[in-house]
């Protein structure tokens, strides 16, 4: 992570982070849906962090289906917002994507 998250050491590099966010948003606009690959992270099964939540919000705003691969942890801090976007939970089975 330290190799590319240079903004942690040099705040002027947040322009790189901004570009990455904009690039992801452009991909969401071009796509038909969003697939969230929410594997365990930081000891939390089905982890979804801030960046993914922003991407989900972009898809939600543009009325694109949001698929989430794994269940979200019951104690996930962003659970209310995640469920509010009415995603389709795949429970590990990507063949459920229509």
Protein backbone atom coordinates (compact mmCIF):
# COMPACT_ATOMS: atom_id res chain seq x y z
CA UNK A 1 0.00 0.00 0.00
CA UNK A 2 2.74 2.43 0.85
CA UNK A 3 4.01 2.23 -2.73
CA UNK A 4 0.99 3.95 -4.17
CA UNK A 5 -0.70 5.74 -1.26
CA UNK A 6 1.89 8.48 -1.38
CA UNK A 7 -0.62 11.05 -0.07
CA UNK A 8 -0.04 9.67 3.43
CA UNK A 9 3.45 11.15 3.32
CA UNK A 10 2.89 14.08 0.96
CA UNK A 11 -0.46 15.86 1.23
CA UNK A 12 0.06 17.38 -2.22
CA UNK A 13 -0.34 13.87 -3.60
CA UNK A 14 -4.02 13.85 -2.68
CA UNK A 15 -4.47 14.99 -6.29
CA UNK A 16 -3.59 11.37 -7.17
CA UNK A 17 -6.32 10.08 -4.86
CA UNK A 18 -8.77 12.53 -6.43
CA UNK A 19 -7.92 11.23 -9.90
CA UNK A 20 -8.40 7.62 -8.78
CA UNK A 21 -11.84 8.43 -7.36
CA UNK A 22 -12.88 10.25 -10.54
CA UNK A 23 -11.61 7.36 -12.68
CA UNK A 24 -13.67 4.88 -10.67
CA UNK A 25 -16.76 7.07 -10.97
CA UNK A 26 -16.30 7.21 -14.76
CA UNK A 27 -16.15 3.40 -14.88
CA UNK A 28 -19.38 3.21 -12.88
CA UNK A 29 -21.11 5.57 -15.31
CA UNK A 30 -19.98 3.45 -18.27
CA UNK A 31 -21.00 0.14 -16.70
CA UNK A 32 -24.36 -1.53 -16.35
CA UNK A 33 -24.01 -2.40 -12.67
CA UNK A 34 -21.55 -2.53 -9.77
CA UNK A 35 -20.18 -5.70 -8.19
CA UNK A 36 -18.78 -5.20 -4.70
CA UNK A 37 -16.17 -7.80 -3.75
CA UNK A 38 -16.41 -7.44 -0.01
CA UNK A 39 -13.99 -9.94 1.45
CA UNK A 40 -12.85 -9.95 5.06
CA UNK A 41 -10.66 -6.99 5.96
CA UNK A 42 -9.52 -5.56 9.26
CA UNK A 43 -10.99 -8.63 10.96
CA UNK A 44 -14.49 -7.85 9.67
CA UNK A 45 -16.24 -10.31 7.34
CA UNK A 46 -17.95 -8.65 4.38
CA UNK A 47 -16.04 -5.40 4.87
CA UNK A 48 -17.13 -2.34 2.91
CA UNK A 49 -15.13 0.85 3.44
CA UNK A 50 -15.59 4.47 2.58
CA UNK A 51 -14.34 4.34 -1.01
CA UNK A 52 -16.61 1.46 -1.94
CA UNK A 53 -19.54 3.14 -0.21
CA UNK A 54 -18.93 6.23 -2.39
CA UNK A 55 -18.86 4.05 -5.51
CA UNK A 56 -22.07 2.34 -4.42
CA UNK A 57 -23.67 5.75 -3.88
CA UNK A 58 -22.69 6.81 -7.40
CA UNK A 59 -24.27 3.64 -8.82
CA UNK A 60 -27.34 4.13 -6.64
CA UNK A 61 -27.77 7.74 -7.79
CA UNK A 62 -27.55 6.61 -11.42
CA UNK A 63 -30.04 3.78 -10.80
CA UNK A 64 -27.56 1.00 -11.55
CA UNK A 65 -27.94 -2.37 -9.82
CA UNK A 66 -25.52 -2.95 -6.97
CA UNK A 67 -24.44 -6.53 -6.31
CA UNK A 68 -22.58 -7.44 -3.12
CA UNK A 69 -20.70 -10.72 -3.13
CA UNK A 70 -20.76 -11.54 0.58
CA UNK A 71 -23.06 -10.71 3.49
CA UNK A 72 -22.21 -7.54 5.39
CA UNK A 73 -21.17 -7.95 9.01
CA UNK A 74 -23.94 -7.24 11.51
CA UNK A 75 -21.75 -4.69 13.27
CA UNK A 76 -20.53 -2.92 10.12
CA UNK A 77 -20.39 0.83 10.82
CA UNK A 78 -21.85 1.67 7.38
CA UNK A 79 -24.56 -1.02 7.38
CA UNK A 80 -27.48 1.41 7.45
CA UNK A 81 -26.22 3.24 4.36
CA UNK A 82 -25.34 0.00 2.56
CA UNK A 83 -28.78 -1.51 3.11
CA UNK A 84 -30.44 1.81 2.25
CA UNK A 85 -29.15 1.50 -1.30
CA UNK A 86 -31.06 -1.80 -1.65
CA UNK A 87 -28.19 -3.92 -3.01
CA UNK A 88 -28.61 -7.47 -4.24
CA UNK A 89 -26.69 -9.85 -2.00
CA UNK A 90 -25.16 -12.78 -3.87
CA UNK A 91 -24.06 -14.74 -0.79
CA UNK A 92 -20.87 -15.78 -2.57
CA UNK A 93 -22.62 -16.94 -5.76
CA UNK A 94 -21.86 -14.69 -8.76
CA UNK A 95 -24.13 -16.83 -10.98
CA UNK A 96 -27.03 -14.93 -9.36
CA UNK A 97 -26.11 -11.81 -11.34
CA UNK A 98 -28.81 -11.22 -13.94
